[in-house]
Amino acid sequence: MALRTEFLRKLKRVMEYRTDSIKRMVIPGVAKKWDRKKRDKLRRELLDSASQVLVREIARKEFKKLVHNRRLRSISGRGIQNRFDHVFSWARRNLHGPIVYSFWKGSRCLYVGKGRSYKRLRGYRGSIYLMVADSLKTWRVKSRNKLASAECLAVHLFNPSRNENHPAKVKWGKRCPVCRRHRGLKNGLDSLLRLKG
């Protein structure tokens, strides 16, 4: 509830800036400064606040609809090759179908990825994630066309520290509901926060 309240407070502040010049035409006084710098700062704050609300209220529920069979594997062994062998042989025995996976160090998510099968983990042979991370969490995705959406929702939920790029979009896949609403919000804010007009 606090996140919603914060979002509404910021939206009210934006509206005050936008309507202040109109108010000053009727009620004399000094209008609040409205320039590109102020606009961009308010837009950024409002989008961040909206993202927090969307992730909290939508992402977890939608993620649960797309995945099942969460599995956790601790990453142990001496040396990268040994650690990889343990993880990959476990994955070959236990993971079937499309997956979303994440590398964790304690309670901090390092990286989120997706794969059509457990074979995607083969790409992490020699990866620094195998040395840094202490566990691997995987979820089986219900169908391949939901894979990109499930990965995107996992990125929103776990906020990985090492994902440099946003998850890839695919033409045949379902779109992430958080990103879809966020894009609509951006478009609405752009028209609301124009400097002229």
N, C-alpha and C. Protein backbone atom coordinates (compact mmCIF):
# COMPACT_ATOMS: atom_id res chain seq x y z
N MET A 1 0.82 -1.20 0.00
CA MET A 1 0.00 0.00 0.00
C MET A 1 0.86 1.26 0.00
N ALA A 2 2.01 1.19 0.67
CA ALA A 2 2.89 2.35 0.73
C ALA A 2 3.42 2.72 -0.65
N LEU A 3 3.70 1.71 -1.49
CA LEU A 3 4.20 1.99 -2.84
C LEU A 3 3.14 2.69 -3.69
N ARG A 4 1.88 2.26 -3.54
CA ARG A 4 0.79 2.94 -4.26
C ARG A 4 0.66 4.39 -3.82
N THR A 5 0.73 4.59 -2.52
CA THR A 5 0.62 5.94 -1.96
C THR A 5 1.74 6.83 -2.48
N GLU A 6 2.96 6.28 -2.53
CA GLU A 6 4.11 7.04 -3.03
C GLU A 6 3.92 7.40 -4.50
N PHE A 7 3.43 6.44 -5.29
CA PHE A 7 3.17 6.71 -6.70
C PHE A 7 2.13 7.81 -6.88
N LEU A 8 1.03 7.73 -6.13
CA LEU A 8 -0.02 8.74 -6.24
C LEU A 8 0.47 10.12 -5.79
N ARG A 9 1.34 10.16 -4.78
CA ARG A 9 1.90 11.43 -4.31
C ARG A 9 2.76 12.05 -5.42
N LYS A 10 3.56 11.23 -6.10
CA LYS A 10 4.42 11.75 -7.17
C LYS A 10 3.59 12.18 -8.38
N LEU A 11 2.54 11.43 -8.69
CA LEU A 11 1.67 11.80 -9.79
C LEU A 11 0.97 13.14 -9.49
N LYS A 12 0.56 13.33 -8.26
CA LYS A 12 -0.08 14.59 -7.86
C LYS A 12 0.90 15.75 -8.01
N ARG A 13 2.17 15.50 -7.67
CA ARG A 13 3.20 16.55 -7.79
C ARG A 13 3.39 16.93 -9.26
N VAL A 14 3.41 15.93 -10.14
CA VAL A 14 3.55 16.19 -11.58
C VAL A 14 2.37 17.02 -12.07
N MET A 15 1.16 16.66 -11.65
CA MET A 15 -0.04 17.38 -12.07
C MET A 15 -0.02 18.83 -11.56
N GLU A 16 0.51 19.03 -10.37
CA GLU A 16 0.61 20.40 -9.85
C GLU A 16 1.52 21.25 -10.73
N TYR A 17 2.65 20.69 -11.15
CA TYR A 17 3.54 21.42 -12.04
C TYR A 17 2.87 21.71 -13.38
N ARG A 18 2.16 20.72 -13.92
CA ARG A 18 1.54 20.89 -15.23
C ARG A 18 0.40 21.91 -15.20
N THR A 19 -0.32 21.98 -14.12
CA THR A 19 -1.48 22.87 -14.07
C THR A 19 -1.18 24.22 -13.41
N ASP A 20 0.05 24.39 -12.92
CA ASP A 20 0.37 25.63 -12.20
C ASP A 20 0.27 26.87 -13.10
N SER A 21 0.70 26.77 -14.34
CA SER A 21 0.64 27.95 -15.22
C SER A 21 -0.82 28.34 -15.49
N ILE A 22 -1.71 27.36 -15.57
CA ILE A 22 -3.14 27.65 -15.76
C ILE A 22 -3.70 28.33 -14.51
N LYS A 23 -3.34 27.82 -13.34
CA LYS A 23 -3.80 28.43 -12.08
C LYS A 23 -3.35 29.87 -11.99
N ARG A 24 -2.10 30.14 -12.41
CA ARG A 24 -1.54 31.49 -12.28
C ARG A 24 -2.20 32.48 -13.23
N MET A 25 -2.87 32.01 -14.26
CA MET A 25 -3.61 32.92 -15.14
C MET A 25 -4.83 33.48 -14.42
N VAL A 26 -5.40 32.69 -13.53
CA VAL A 26 -6.59 33.12 -12.79
C VAL A 26 -6.21 33.70 -11.44
N ILE A 27 -5.31 33.03 -10.75
CA ILE A 27 -4.87 33.48 -9.43
C ILE A 27 -3.43 33.96 -9.57
N PRO A 28 -3.20 35.27 -9.53
CA PRO A 28 -1.85 35.81 -9.75
C PRO A 28 -0.84 35.25 -8.74
N GLY A 29 0.38 35.13 -9.21
CA GLY A 29 1.48 34.64 -8.38
C GLY A 29 2.58 34.14 -9.28
N VAL A 30 3.64 33.68 -8.67
CA VAL A 30 4.79 33.19 -9.43
C VAL A 30 4.56 31.71 -9.76
N ALA A 31 4.63 31.41 -11.04
CA ALA A 31 4.43 30.02 -11.47
C ALA A 31 5.67 29.19 -11.14
N LYS A 32 5.46 27.91 -10.86
CA LYS A 32 6.58 27.00 -10.59
C LYS A 32 7.38 26.83 -11.86
N LYS A 33 8.69 26.73 -11.71
CA LYS A 33 9.57 26.57 -12.85
C LYS A 33 9.34 25.21 -13.49
N TRP A 34 9.09 25.21 -14.79
CA TRP A 34 8.85 23.97 -15.53
C TRP A 34 9.77 23.96 -16.74
N ASP A 35 10.86 23.20 -16.64
CA ASP A 35 11.80 23.10 -17.75
C ASP A 35 12.14 21.63 -18.01
N ARG A 36 12.98 21.41 -18.99
CA ARG A 36 13.32 20.04 -19.40
C ARG A 36 13.95 19.25 -18.26
N LYS A 37 14.83 19.87 -17.50
CA LYS A 37 15.52 19.19 -16.40
C LYS A 37 14.52 18.74 -15.33
N LYS A 38 13.63 19.63 -14.96
CA LYS A 38 12.60 19.32 -13.95
C LYS A 38 11.67 18.24 -14.48
N ARG A 39 11.26 18.38 -15.75
CA ARG A 39 10.35 17.40 -16.35
C ARG A 39 10.97 16.00 -16.37
N ASP A 40 12.23 15.91 -16.81
CA ASP A 40 12.89 14.61 -16.89
C ASP A 40 13.07 13.97 -15.52
N LYS A 41 13.36 14.79 -14.53
CA LYS A 41 13.52 14.26 -13.17
C LYS A 41 12.19 13.71 -12.65
N LEU A 42 11.11 14.47 -12.82
CA LEU A 42 9.79 14.02 -12.36
C LEU A 42 9.33 12.77 -13.12
N ARG A 43 9.61 12.73 -14.42
CA ARG A 43 9.24 11.57 -15.23
C ARG A 43 9.97 10.32 -14.75
N ARG A 44 11.28 10.46 -14.50
CA ARG A 44 12.09 9.33 -14.04
C ARG A 44 11.59 8.82 -12.67
N GLU A 45 11.32 9.76 -11.76
CA GLU A 45 10.83 9.38 -10.42
C GLU A 45 9.47 8.67 -10.52
N LEU A 46 8.60 9.19 -11.36
CA LEU A 46 7.27 8.61 -11.50
C LEU A 46 7.34 7.21 -12.13
N LEU A 47 8.19 7.03 -13.14
CA LEU A 47 8.34 5.72 -13.76
C LEU A 47 8.95 4.70 -12.80
N ASP A 48 9.92 5.13 -12.00
CA ASP A 48 10.52 4.22 -11.01
C ASP A 48 9.48 3.79 -9.98
N SER A 49 8.70 4.74 -9.52
CA SER A 49 7.66 4.44 -8.55
C SER A 49 6.60 3.51 -9.14
N ALA A 50 6.21 3.78 -10.38
CA ALA A 50 5.22 2.93 -11.06
C ALA A 50 5.77 1.52 -11.25
N SER A 51 7.05 1.39 -11.59
CA SER A 51 7.67 0.08 -11.78
C SER A 51 7.61 -0.73 -10.49
N GLN A 52 7.87 -0.09 -9.38
CA GLN A 52 7.82 -0.80 -8.09
C GLN A 52 6.42 -1.32 -7.81
N VAL A 53 5.42 -0.51 -8.10
CA VAL A 53 4.03 -0.94 -7.88
C VAL A 53 3.69 -2.10 -8.81
N LEU A 54 4.05 -1.98 -10.09
CA LEU A 54 3.74 -3.03 -11.06
C LEU A 54 4.41 -4.35 -10.69
N VAL A 55 5.67 -4.28 -10.30
CA VAL A 55 6.39 -5.51 -9.94
C VAL A 55 5.75 -6.16 -8.72
N ARG A 56 5.42 -5.35 -7.75
CA ARG A 56 4.85 -5.91 -6.52
C ARG A 56 3.46 -6.51 -6.76
N GLU A 57 2.64 -5.84 -7.55
CA GLU A 57 1.25 -6.26 -7.68
C GLU A 57 0.98 -7.20 -8.85
N ILE A 58 1.84 -7.19 -9.87
CA ILE A 58 1.57 -7.99 -11.06
C ILE A 58 2.59 -9.10 -11.27
N ALA A 59 3.87 -8.77 -11.15
CA ALA A 59 4.94 -9.68 -11.58
C ALA A 59 4.89 -11.03 -10.89
N ARG A 60 4.77 -11.05 -9.58
CA ARG A 60 4.80 -12.33 -8.85
C ARG A 60 3.63 -13.23 -9.25
N LYS A 61 2.45 -12.63 -9.34
CA LYS A 61 1.25 -13.39 -9.70
C LYS A 61 1.36 -13.95 -11.12
N GLU A 62 1.83 -13.12 -12.06
CA GLU A 62 1.96 -13.56 -13.45
C GLU A 62 3.07 -14.61 -13.60
N PHE A 63 4.16 -14.45 -12.85
CA PHE A 63 5.26 -15.41 -12.90
C PHE A 63 4.78 -16.79 -12.45
N LYS A 64 3.98 -16.81 -11.39
CA LYS A 64 3.45 -18.09 -10.90
C LYS A 64 2.54 -18.76 -11.92
N LYS A 65 1.85 -17.97 -12.74
CA LYS A 65 0.99 -18.54 -13.78
C LYS A 65 1.80 -19.21 -14.90
N LEU A 66 3.01 -18.71 -15.15
CA LEU A 66 3.81 -19.17 -16.27
C LEU A 66 4.74 -20.33 -15.94
N VAL A 67 5.08 -20.51 -14.66
CA VAL A 67 6.08 -21.51 -14.29
C VAL A 67 5.55 -22.48 -13.24
N HIS A 68 6.25 -23.58 -13.11
CA HIS A 68 6.00 -24.52 -12.02
C HIS A 68 7.27 -25.31 -11.79
N ASN A 69 7.27 -26.18 -10.81
CA ASN A 69 8.42 -27.03 -10.50
C ASN A 69 9.70 -26.23 -10.23
N ARG A 70 9.66 -25.36 -9.25
CA ARG A 70 10.88 -24.65 -8.86
C ARG A 70 11.86 -25.65 -8.27
N ARG A 71 13.10 -25.55 -8.70
CA ARG A 71 14.14 -26.43 -8.16
C ARG A 71 15.33 -25.58 -7.74
N LEU A 72 15.97 -26.02 -6.67
CA LEU A 72 17.12 -25.31 -6.13
C LEU A 72 18.30 -26.27 -6.09
N ARG A 73 19.44 -25.85 -6.58
CA ARG A 73 20.64 -26.68 -6.55
C ARG A 73 21.77 -25.85 -6.00
N SER A 74 22.40 -26.33 -4.94
CA SER A 74 23.58 -25.62 -4.43
C SER A 74 24.74 -25.92 -5.37
N ILE A 75 25.60 -24.94 -5.52
CA ILE A 75 26.75 -25.08 -6.40
C ILE A 75 27.96 -25.31 -5.50
N SER A 76 28.53 -26.50 -5.60
CA SER A 76 29.66 -26.84 -4.75
C SER A 76 30.70 -27.60 -5.55
N GLY A 77 31.88 -27.75 -4.99
CA GLY A 77 32.98 -28.46 -5.64
C GLY A 77 34.20 -27.56 -5.74
N ARG A 78 35.32 -28.18 -6.06
CA ARG A 78 36.58 -27.43 -6.19
C ARG A 78 36.84 -27.16 -7.67
N GLY A 79 37.03 -25.92 -8.00
CA GLY A 79 37.34 -25.54 -9.38
C GLY A 79 36.09 -25.42 -10.24
N ILE A 80 36.22 -24.61 -11.27
CA ILE A 80 35.08 -24.34 -12.15
C ILE A 80 34.59 -25.60 -12.84
N GLN A 81 35.51 -26.43 -13.35
CA GLN A 81 35.09 -27.62 -14.10
C GLN A 81 34.32 -28.58 -13.21
N ASN A 82 34.78 -28.79 -11.98
CA ASN A 82 34.10 -29.69 -11.06
C ASN A 82 32.71 -29.15 -10.69
N ARG A 83 32.64 -27.87 -10.44
CA ARG A 83 31.35 -27.25 -10.10
C ARG A 83 30.39 -27.36 -11.28
N PHE A 84 30.90 -27.10 -12.50
CA PHE A 84 30.07 -27.22 -13.69
C PHE A 84 29.56 -28.66 -13.86
N ASP A 85 30.45 -29.63 -13.70
CA ASP A 85 30.05 -31.03 -13.86
C ASP A 85 28.92 -31.41 -12.91
N HIS A 86 29.01 -30.96 -11.65
CA HIS A 86 27.95 -31.26 -10.68
C HIS A 86 26.62 -30.64 -11.10
N VAL A 87 26.66 -29.37 -11.47
CA VAL A 87 25.43 -28.66 -11.85
C VAL A 87 24.83 -29.25 -13.13
N PHE A 88 25.67 -29.51 -14.13
CA PHE A 88 25.14 -29.97 -15.41
C PHE A 88 24.59 -31.39 -15.32
N SER A 89 25.25 -32.27 -14.57
CA SER A 89 24.71 -33.63 -14.43
C SER A 89 23.39 -33.60 -13.64
N TRP A 90 23.29 -32.73 -12.66
CA TRP A 90 22.02 -32.56 -11.94
C TRP A 90 20.92 -32.06 -12.89
N ALA A 91 21.26 -31.08 -13.72
CA ALA A 91 20.29 -30.50 -14.66
C ALA A 91 19.83 -31.55 -15.66
N ARG A 92 20.75 -32.37 -16.17
CA ARG A 92 20.39 -33.40 -17.15
C ARG A 92 19.38 -34.39 -16.55
N ARG A 93 19.53 -34.72 -15.26
CA ARG A 93 18.62 -35.66 -14.61
C ARG A 93 17.28 -35.04 -14.23
N ASN A 94 17.28 -33.75 -13.88
CA ASN A 94 16.09 -33.17 -13.25
C ASN A 94 15.31 -32.13 -14.06
N LEU A 95 15.92 -31.55 -15.07
CA LEU A 95 15.25 -30.47 -15.79
C LEU A 95 14.79 -30.94 -17.17
N HIS A 96 13.51 -30.79 -17.44
CA HIS A 96 12.95 -31.20 -18.73
C HIS A 96 12.07 -30.07 -19.26
N GLY A 97 12.24 -29.73 -20.52
CA GLY A 97 11.44 -28.67 -21.12
C GLY A 97 12.09 -27.31 -20.94
N PRO A 98 11.38 -26.25 -21.36
CA PRO A 98 11.93 -24.89 -21.26
C PRO A 98 12.09 -24.46 -19.80
N ILE A 99 13.16 -23.72 -19.53
CA ILE A 99 13.45 -23.30 -18.15
C ILE A 99 13.83 -21.83 -18.08
N VAL A 100 13.58 -21.26 -16.91
CA VAL A 100 14.16 -19.98 -16.51
C VAL A 100 15.06 -20.31 -15.34
N TYR A 101 16.27 -19.78 -15.34
CA TYR A 101 17.22 -20.10 -14.28
C TYR A 101 17.84 -18.82 -13.73
N SER A 102 18.34 -18.90 -12.52
CA SER A 102 19.00 -17.75 -11.91
C SER A 102 20.13 -18.22 -11.01
N PHE A 103 21.24 -17.49 -11.06
CA PHE A 103 22.39 -17.75 -10.19
C PHE A 103 22.29 -16.82 -8.99
N TRP A 104 22.50 -17.36 -7.79
CA TRP A 104 22.37 -16.60 -6.55
C TRP A 104 23.62 -16.71 -5.70
N LYS A 105 23.92 -15.64 -5.02
CA LYS A 105 24.95 -15.64 -3.97
C LYS A 105 24.25 -15.18 -2.70
N GLY A 106 23.95 -16.13 -1.83
CA GLY A 106 23.15 -15.81 -0.65
C GLY A 106 21.75 -15.40 -1.07
N SER A 107 21.32 -14.22 -0.63
CA SER A 107 19.98 -13.74 -0.98
C SER A 107 20.01 -12.76 -2.15
N ARG A 108 21.17 -12.64 -2.81
CA ARG A 108 21.30 -11.68 -3.91
C ARG A 108 21.35 -12.43 -5.24
N CYS A 109 20.48 -12.02 -6.14
CA CYS A 109 20.44 -12.62 -7.48
C CYS A 109 21.52 -11.98 -8.34
N LEU A 110 22.32 -12.84 -8.98
CA LEU A 110 23.40 -12.35 -9.83
C LEU A 110 22.98 -12.26 -11.30
N TYR A 111 22.25 -13.27 -11.77
CA TYR A 111 21.93 -13.33 -13.19
C TYR A 111 20.68 -14.17 -13.41
N VAL A 112 19.86 -13.76 -14.38
CA VAL A 112 18.67 -14.52 -14.78
C VAL A 112 18.79 -14.81 -16.26
N GLY A 113 18.46 -16.04 -16.64
CA GLY A 113 18.49 -16.42 -18.06
C GLY A 113 17.38 -17.41 -18.38
N LYS A 114 17.30 -17.78 -19.66
CA LYS A 114 16.28 -18.73 -20.09
C LYS A 114 16.89 -19.72 -21.07
N GLY A 115 16.25 -20.86 -21.22
CA GLY A 115 16.72 -21.85 -22.17
C GLY A 115 15.59 -22.77 -22.59
N ARG A 116 15.67 -23.29 -23.80
CA ARG A 116 14.65 -24.22 -24.28
C ARG A 116 14.76 -25.57 -23.59
N SER A 117 15.93 -25.85 -23.00
CA SER A 117 16.12 -27.08 -22.25
C SER A 117 17.30 -26.90 -21.29
N TYR A 118 17.61 -27.93 -20.54
CA TYR A 118 18.74 -27.89 -19.60
C TYR A 118 20.05 -27.65 -20.35
N LYS A 119 20.11 -27.94 -21.65
CA LYS A 119 21.34 -27.82 -22.43
C LYS A 119 21.85 -26.38 -22.48
N ARG A 120 20.98 -25.42 -22.23
CA ARG A 120 21.40 -24.02 -22.20
C ARG A 120 22.47 -23.79 -21.15
N LEU A 121 22.43 -24.56 -20.07
CA LEU A 121 23.41 -24.41 -18.99
C LEU A 121 24.82 -24.81 -19.43
N ARG A 122 24.93 -25.52 -20.55
CA ARG A 122 26.24 -25.90 -21.09
C ARG A 122 27.08 -24.66 -21.39
N GLY A 123 26.41 -23.56 -21.73
CA GLY A 123 27.11 -22.31 -22.02
C GLY A 123 27.82 -21.70 -20.82
N TYR A 124 27.59 -22.22 -19.64
CA TYR A 124 28.21 -21.67 -18.43
C TYR A 124 29.45 -22.46 -18.00
N ARG A 125 29.91 -23.38 -18.85
CA ARG A 125 31.16 -24.09 -18.56
C ARG A 125 32.27 -23.03 -18.53
N GLY A 126 32.94 -22.90 -17.45
CA GLY A 126 34.00 -21.90 -17.32
C GLY A 126 33.50 -20.51 -16.97
N SER A 127 32.21 -20.37 -16.67
CA SER A 127 31.65 -19.05 -16.36
C SER A 127 31.99 -18.62 -14.93
N ILE A 128 32.17 -17.34 -14.77
CA ILE A 128 32.46 -16.79 -13.44
C ILE A 128 31.30 -17.03 -12.47
N TYR A 129 30.08 -17.17 -13.02
CA TYR A 129 28.92 -17.42 -12.15
C TYR A 129 29.09 -18.70 -11.35
N LEU A 130 29.75 -19.69 -11.93
CA LEU A 130 29.95 -20.95 -11.21
C LEU A 130 30.91 -20.79 -10.04
N MET A 131 31.78 -19.81 -10.09
CA MET A 131 32.70 -19.58 -8.96
C MET A 131 32.08 -18.64 -7.93
N VAL A 132 31.34 -17.66 -8.40
CA VAL A 132 30.80 -16.64 -7.48
C VAL A 132 29.51 -17.11 -6.81
N ALA A 133 28.63 -17.73 -7.58
CA ALA A 133 27.31 -18.12 -7.05
C ALA A 133 27.42 -19.34 -6.13
N ASP A 134 26.49 -19.41 -5.19
CA ASP A 134 26.44 -20.58 -4.31
C ASP A 134 25.20 -21.43 -4.55
N SER A 135 24.28 -20.93 -5.41
CA SER A 135 23.10 -21.75 -5.73
C SER A 135 22.53 -21.37 -7.11
N LEU A 136 21.80 -22.32 -7.65
CA LEU A 136 21.12 -22.15 -8.94
C LEU A 136 19.65 -22.47 -8.72
N LYS A 137 18.78 -21.52 -9.05
CA LYS A 137 17.34 -21.77 -8.97
C LYS A 137 16.81 -21.91 -10.39
N THR A 138 15.96 -22.90 -10.60
CA THR A 138 15.36 -23.08 -11.92
C THR A 138 13.86 -23.26 -11.78
N TRP A 139 13.14 -22.85 -12.81
CA TRP A 139 11.70 -23.04 -12.90
C TRP A 139 11.40 -23.62 -14.26
N ARG A 140 10.52 -24.57 -14.31
CA ARG A 140 10.07 -25.11 -15.60
C ARG A 140 8.95 -24.21 -16.11
N VAL A 141 9.10 -23.73 -17.34
CA VAL A 141 8.10 -22.86 -17.95
C VAL A 141 7.08 -23.74 -18.65
N LYS A 142 5.80 -23.38 -18.53
CA LYS A 142 4.72 -24.24 -19.03
C LYS A 142 4.76 -24.45 -20.54
N SER A 143 5.19 -23.46 -21.31
CA SER A 143 5.32 -23.65 -22.76
C SER A 143 6.38 -22.71 -23.31
N ARG A 144 6.93 -23.07 -24.47
CA ARG A 144 8.03 -22.28 -25.04
C ARG A 144 7.61 -20.87 -25.41
N ASN A 145 6.34 -20.67 -25.79
CA ASN A 145 5.95 -19.31 -26.18
C ASN A 145 5.83 -18.37 -24.98
N LYS A 146 5.91 -18.91 -23.77
CA LYS A 146 5.87 -18.08 -22.56
C LYS A 146 7.26 -17.89 -21.95
N LEU A 147 8.27 -18.41 -22.61
CA LEU A 147 9.63 -18.38 -22.08
C LEU A 147 10.18 -16.97 -21.93
N ALA A 148 10.06 -16.14 -22.95
CA ALA A 148 10.59 -14.78 -22.89
C ALA A 148 9.87 -13.96 -21.82
N SER A 149 8.56 -14.12 -21.72
CA SER A 149 7.78 -13.40 -20.71
C SER A 149 8.18 -13.83 -19.30
N ALA A 150 8.39 -15.14 -19.11
CA ALA A 150 8.79 -15.65 -17.79
C ALA A 150 10.16 -15.12 -17.40
N GLU A 151 11.09 -15.06 -18.37
CA GLU A 151 12.42 -14.52 -18.06
C GLU A 151 12.33 -13.04 -17.69
N CYS A 152 11.55 -12.29 -18.44
CA CYS A 152 11.42 -10.85 -18.17
C CYS A 152 10.81 -10.61 -16.78
N LEU A 153 9.79 -11.40 -16.44
CA LEU A 153 9.18 -11.27 -15.11
C LEU A 153 10.17 -11.63 -14.01
N ALA A 154 11.00 -12.65 -14.24
CA ALA A 154 12.02 -13.02 -13.26
C ALA A 154 13.03 -11.88 -13.07
N VAL A 155 13.39 -11.22 -14.15
CA VAL A 155 14.30 -10.07 -14.04
C VAL A 155 13.66 -8.96 -13.21
N HIS A 156 12.38 -8.69 -13.45
CA HIS A 156 11.67 -7.68 -12.65
C HIS A 156 11.64 -8.08 -11.18
N LEU A 157 11.35 -9.33 -10.91
CA LEU A 157 11.19 -9.80 -9.53
C LEU A 157 12.50 -9.86 -8.75
N PHE A 158 13.54 -10.40 -9.37
CA PHE A 158 14.77 -10.68 -8.63
C PHE A 158 15.83 -9.60 -8.76
N ASN A 159 15.65 -8.68 -9.71
CA ASN A 159 16.55 -7.55 -9.89
C ASN A 159 18.02 -7.99 -9.90
N PRO A 160 18.42 -8.81 -10.87
CA PRO A 160 19.79 -9.35 -10.87
C PRO A 160 20.83 -8.26 -11.05
N SER A 161 21.93 -8.40 -10.34
CA SER A 161 22.96 -7.36 -10.37
C SER A 161 23.82 -7.40 -11.63
N ARG A 162 23.85 -8.54 -12.32
CA ARG A 162 24.75 -8.66 -13.47
C ARG A 162 24.06 -8.79 -14.82
N ASN A 163 22.76 -8.67 -14.89
CA ASN A 163 22.08 -8.67 -16.19
C ASN A 163 22.27 -7.29 -16.80
N GLU A 164 23.13 -7.19 -17.80
CA GLU A 164 23.39 -5.89 -18.41
C GLU A 164 22.34 -5.51 -19.43
N ASN A 165 21.76 -6.50 -20.10
CA ASN A 165 20.76 -6.25 -21.12
C ASN A 165 19.40 -6.70 -20.64
N HIS A 166 18.38 -6.04 -21.17
CA HIS A 166 17.01 -6.45 -20.86
C HIS A 166 16.74 -7.75 -21.59
N PRO A 167 15.90 -8.63 -21.05
CA PRO A 167 15.62 -9.90 -21.73
C PRO A 167 15.15 -9.70 -23.16
N ALA A 168 15.55 -10.63 -24.01
CA ALA A 168 15.22 -10.56 -25.43
C ALA A 168 13.74 -10.76 -25.66
N LYS A 169 13.19 -10.03 -26.61
CA LYS A 169 11.79 -10.21 -27.01
C LYS A 169 11.77 -11.12 -28.23
N VAL A 170 10.76 -11.94 -28.32
CA VAL A 170 10.63 -12.81 -29.49
C VAL A 170 9.27 -12.59 -30.11
N LYS A 171 9.21 -12.68 -31.44
CA LYS A 171 7.96 -12.42 -32.16
C LYS A 171 6.87 -13.40 -31.78
N TRP A 172 7.24 -14.66 -31.57
CA TRP A 172 6.23 -15.70 -31.33
C TRP A 172 5.84 -15.81 -29.86
N GLY A 173 6.51 -15.08 -28.98
CA GLY A 173 6.27 -15.24 -27.55
C GLY A 173 5.26 -14.27 -26.98
N LYS A 174 4.77 -14.59 -25.81
CA LYS A 174 3.88 -13.69 -25.07
C LYS A 174 4.69 -12.55 -24.49
N ARG A 175 4.11 -11.37 -24.50
CA ARG A 175 4.81 -10.21 -23.95
C ARG A 175 4.68 -10.15 -22.44
N CYS A 176 5.68 -9.56 -21.82
CA CYS A 176 5.68 -9.40 -20.37
C CYS A 176 4.59 -8.40 -19.98
N PRO A 177 3.69 -8.75 -19.06
CA PRO A 177 2.62 -7.83 -18.69
C PRO A 177 3.12 -6.57 -17.98
N VAL A 178 4.23 -6.67 -17.25
CA VAL A 178 4.79 -5.49 -16.58
C VAL A 178 5.35 -4.53 -17.62
N CYS A 179 6.11 -5.06 -18.58
CA CYS A 179 6.67 -4.20 -19.63
C CYS A 179 5.58 -3.57 -20.50
N ARG A 180 4.53 -4.33 -20.77
CA ARG A 180 3.43 -3.80 -21.58
C ARG A 180 2.78 -2.61 -20.88
N ARG A 181 2.50 -2.74 -19.60
CA ARG A 181 1.90 -1.62 -18.86
C ARG A 181 2.88 -0.46 -18.71
N HIS A 182 4.15 -0.81 -18.51
CA HIS A 182 5.18 0.22 -18.35
C HIS A 182 5.31 1.05 -19.62
N ARG A 183 5.25 0.38 -20.77
CA ARG A 183 5.33 1.08 -22.06
C ARG A 183 4.13 2.02 -22.23
N GLY A 184 2.93 1.54 -21.87
CA GLY A 184 1.74 2.39 -21.94
C GLY A 184 1.86 3.59 -21.01
N LEU A 185 2.43 3.37 -19.84
CA LEU A 185 2.63 4.47 -18.89
C LEU A 185 3.61 5.49 -19.44
N LYS A 186 4.70 5.02 -20.06
CA LYS A 186 5.67 5.94 -20.66
C LYS A 186 5.01 6.81 -21.73
N ASN A 187 4.20 6.19 -22.58
CA ASN A 187 3.52 6.95 -23.64
C ASN A 187 2.57 7.99 -23.05
N GLY A 188 1.82 7.60 -22.02
CA GLY A 188 0.91 8.54 -21.37
C GLY A 188 1.65 9.69 -20.72
N LEU A 189 2.77 9.39 -20.07
CA LEU A 189 3.56 10.45 -19.43
C LEU A 189 4.20 11.37 -20.46
N ASP A 190 4.64 10.81 -21.57
CA ASP A 190 5.24 11.67 -22.60
C ASP A 190 4.23 12.69 -23.11
N SER A 191 2.99 12.28 -23.30
CA SER A 191 1.99 13.26 -23.78
C SER A 191 1.60 14.23 -22.66
N LEU A 192 1.57 13.77 -21.43
CA LEU A 192 1.23 14.64 -20.30
C LEU A 192 2.32 15.66 -20.01
N LEU A 193 3.58 15.25 -20.17
CA LEU A 193 4.70 16.10 -19.76
C LEU A 193 5.37 16.86 -20.89
N ARG A 194 4.67 17.07 -21.99
CA ARG A 194 5.26 17.87 -23.06
C ARG A 194 5.55 19.26 -22.54
N LEU A 195 6.64 19.86 -23.05
CA LEU A 195 7.00 21.22 -22.62
C LEU A 195 6.10 22.26 -23.26
N LYS A 196 5.62 22.00 -24.49
CA LYS A 196 4.75 22.95 -25.16
C LYS A 196 3.41 22.32 -25.42
N GLY A 197 2.38 23.12 -25.46
CA GLY A 197 1.08 22.62 -25.86
C GLY A 197 0.09 22.48 -24.82
